[in-house]
Amino acid sequence: MSGEWIAYWMVRTGVAAAGLIALLATVSSYALMPGLYYDDLPTPPPMPERLPGIAAGLGVAVLLLLPNRLTLRGWPFWTRLALSAAVGSLFIVAGVGGIAAGLHGGKDPVIFPVLESV
């Protein structure tokens, strides 16, 4: 066994562990919360609002769990590239939405239209 082989598998194991943690954290934080599916408030439950975050978490987990060497050629490469672009765009949309909400005092102008006149 060479040092490069040992180093590769140590890094690969660490990255796979990070992917597994991301997967378990996403599933446990969203899927196991009954308040996301039902609450006693008259408004709809918050599950549809959380779907981009759930998709981003699962996308990051899948990208970390799959080794790069399995997706170097052909359709797996393009699938991984598309998944990376989708996850990146979800993070960009979430970041821009957070900045826009911060500019409005942390409140969404669609929900609080009174803030537009202030």
Protein backbone atom coordinates (compact mmCIF):
# COMPACT_ATOMS: atom_id res chain seq x y z
CA MET A 1 0.00 0.00 0.00
CA SER A 2 1.32 3.37 -0.97
CA GLY A 3 0.88 6.58 0.92
CA GLU A 4 -1.18 8.02 -1.93
CA TRP A 5 -3.66 5.15 -1.74
CA ILE A 6 -4.05 5.57 2.03
CA ALA A 7 -4.44 9.34 1.72
CA TYR A 8 -7.02 8.96 -1.05
CA TRP A 9 -9.18 6.59 0.97
CA MET A 10 -8.89 8.72 4.09
CA VAL A 11 -10.12 11.77 2.18
CA ARG A 12 -12.79 9.76 0.34
CA THR A 13 -14.06 8.32 3.64
CA GLY A 14 -14.19 11.80 5.17
CA VAL A 15 -16.11 13.23 2.21
CA ALA A 16 -18.54 10.29 2.21
CA ALA A 17 -19.06 10.77 5.96
CA ALA A 18 -19.83 14.45 5.36
CA GLY A 19 -22.32 13.45 2.66
CA LEU A 20 -23.97 10.94 4.97
CA ILE A 21 -24.21 13.54 7.73
CA ALA A 22 -25.74 16.04 5.28
CA LEU A 23 -28.25 13.42 4.15
CA LEU A 24 -29.23 12.44 7.69
CA ALA A 25 -29.42 16.08 8.79
CA THR A 26 -31.67 16.99 5.88
CA VAL A 27 -33.97 14.05 6.40
CA SER A 28 -34.16 14.45 10.16
CA SER A 29 -34.66 18.21 10.13
CA TYR A 30 -37.39 18.25 7.50
CA ALA A 31 -39.04 14.85 7.21
CA LEU A 32 -39.41 14.17 10.92
CA MET A 33 -41.07 17.50 11.78
CA PRO A 34 -44.87 17.12 11.74
CA GLY A 35 -45.28 20.90 11.93
CA LEU A 36 -44.13 21.16 8.33
CA TYR A 37 -47.06 19.08 7.11
CA TYR A 38 -49.76 20.25 9.49
CA ASP A 39 -50.22 23.12 11.89
CA ASP A 40 -53.34 24.50 13.51
CA LEU A 41 -52.91 27.98 12.05
CA PRO A 42 -55.29 29.12 9.30
CA THR A 43 -52.38 29.56 6.89
CA PRO A 44 -51.07 26.68 4.74
CA PRO A 45 -48.32 24.54 6.27
CA PRO A 46 -44.75 25.69 5.51
CA MET A 47 -43.67 22.57 3.60
CA PRO A 48 -43.83 24.13 0.08
CA GLU A 49 -41.64 27.02 1.25
CA ARG A 50 -39.02 24.58 2.51
CA LEU A 51 -38.81 22.44 -0.65
CA PRO A 52 -35.86 24.38 -2.17
CA GLY A 53 -33.88 23.88 1.04
CA ILE A 54 -34.73 20.20 1.13
CA ALA A 55 -33.70 19.77 -2.51
CA ALA A 56 -30.43 21.63 -1.91
CA GLY A 57 -29.59 19.53 1.14
CA LEU A 58 -30.29 16.28 -0.65
CA GLY A 59 -28.37 17.46 -3.71
CA VAL A 60 -25.29 18.31 -1.66
CA ALA A 61 -25.51 14.93 0.09
CA VAL A 62 -25.69 13.04 -3.22
CA LEU A 63 -22.81 15.03 -4.69
CA LEU A 64 -20.66 14.27 -1.64
CA LEU A 65 -21.55 10.58 -1.54
CA LEU A 66 -20.79 9.87 -5.21
CA PRO A 67 -17.08 9.64 -5.99
CA ASN A 68 -15.86 11.84 -8.84
CA ARG A 69 -14.16 8.94 -10.60
CA LEU A 70 -17.57 7.32 -11.22
CA THR A 71 -18.81 10.39 -13.09
CA LEU A 72 -15.93 11.37 -15.34
CA ARG A 73 -17.39 10.38 -18.71
CA GLY A 74 -20.68 10.15 -20.55
CA TRP A 75 -24.11 10.68 -19.08
CA PRO A 76 -23.02 10.43 -15.41
CA PHE A 77 -20.80 13.47 -15.96
CA TRP A 78 -23.63 15.53 -17.43
CA THR A 79 -26.03 14.37 -14.73
CA ARG A 80 -23.57 15.39 -12.00
CA LEU A 81 -22.96 18.72 -13.74
CA ALA A 82 -26.71 19.39 -13.98
CA LEU A 83 -27.20 18.46 -10.33
CA SER A 84 -24.35 20.75 -9.31
CA ALA A 85 -25.85 23.61 -11.33
CA ALA A 86 -29.30 23.02 -9.82
CA VAL A 87 -27.97 22.95 -6.25
CA GLY A 88 -25.88 26.06 -6.91
CA SER A 89 -28.84 27.92 -8.35
CA LEU A 90 -30.96 26.97 -5.32
CA PHE A 91 -28.30 28.44 -3.04
CA ILE A 92 -28.09 31.60 -5.16
CA VAL A 93 -31.87 32.03 -5.10
CA ALA A 94 -31.92 31.52 -1.33
CA GLY A 95 -29.09 34.04 -0.88
CA VAL A 96 -30.73 36.68 -3.06
CA GLY A 97 -34.04 36.09 -1.26
CA GLY A 98 -32.32 36.56 2.09
CA ILE A 99 -30.68 39.78 0.94
CA ALA A 100 -34.01 41.06 -0.41
CA ALA A 101 -35.76 40.18 2.86
CA GLY A 102 -33.03 41.96 4.80
CA LEU A 103 -33.51 45.09 2.72
CA HIS A 104 -37.19 45.01 3.66
CA GLY A 105 -36.46 44.75 7.37
CA GLY A 106 -36.59 40.96 7.34
CA LYS A 107 -40.19 40.93 6.14
CA ASP A 108 -41.43 39.76 2.79
CA PRO A 109 -43.14 42.61 0.87
CA VAL A 110 -45.69 40.16 -0.53
CA ILE A 111 -46.81 39.17 2.95
CA PHE A 112 -46.43 42.68 4.43
CA PRO A 113 -47.41 45.05 1.58
CA VAL A 114 -47.68 47.94 4.06
CA LEU A 115 -43.87 48.09 4.18
CA GLU A 116 -43.74 49.28 0.57
CA SER A 117 -45.28 52.61 1.56
CA VAL A 118 -42.96 53.14 4.55
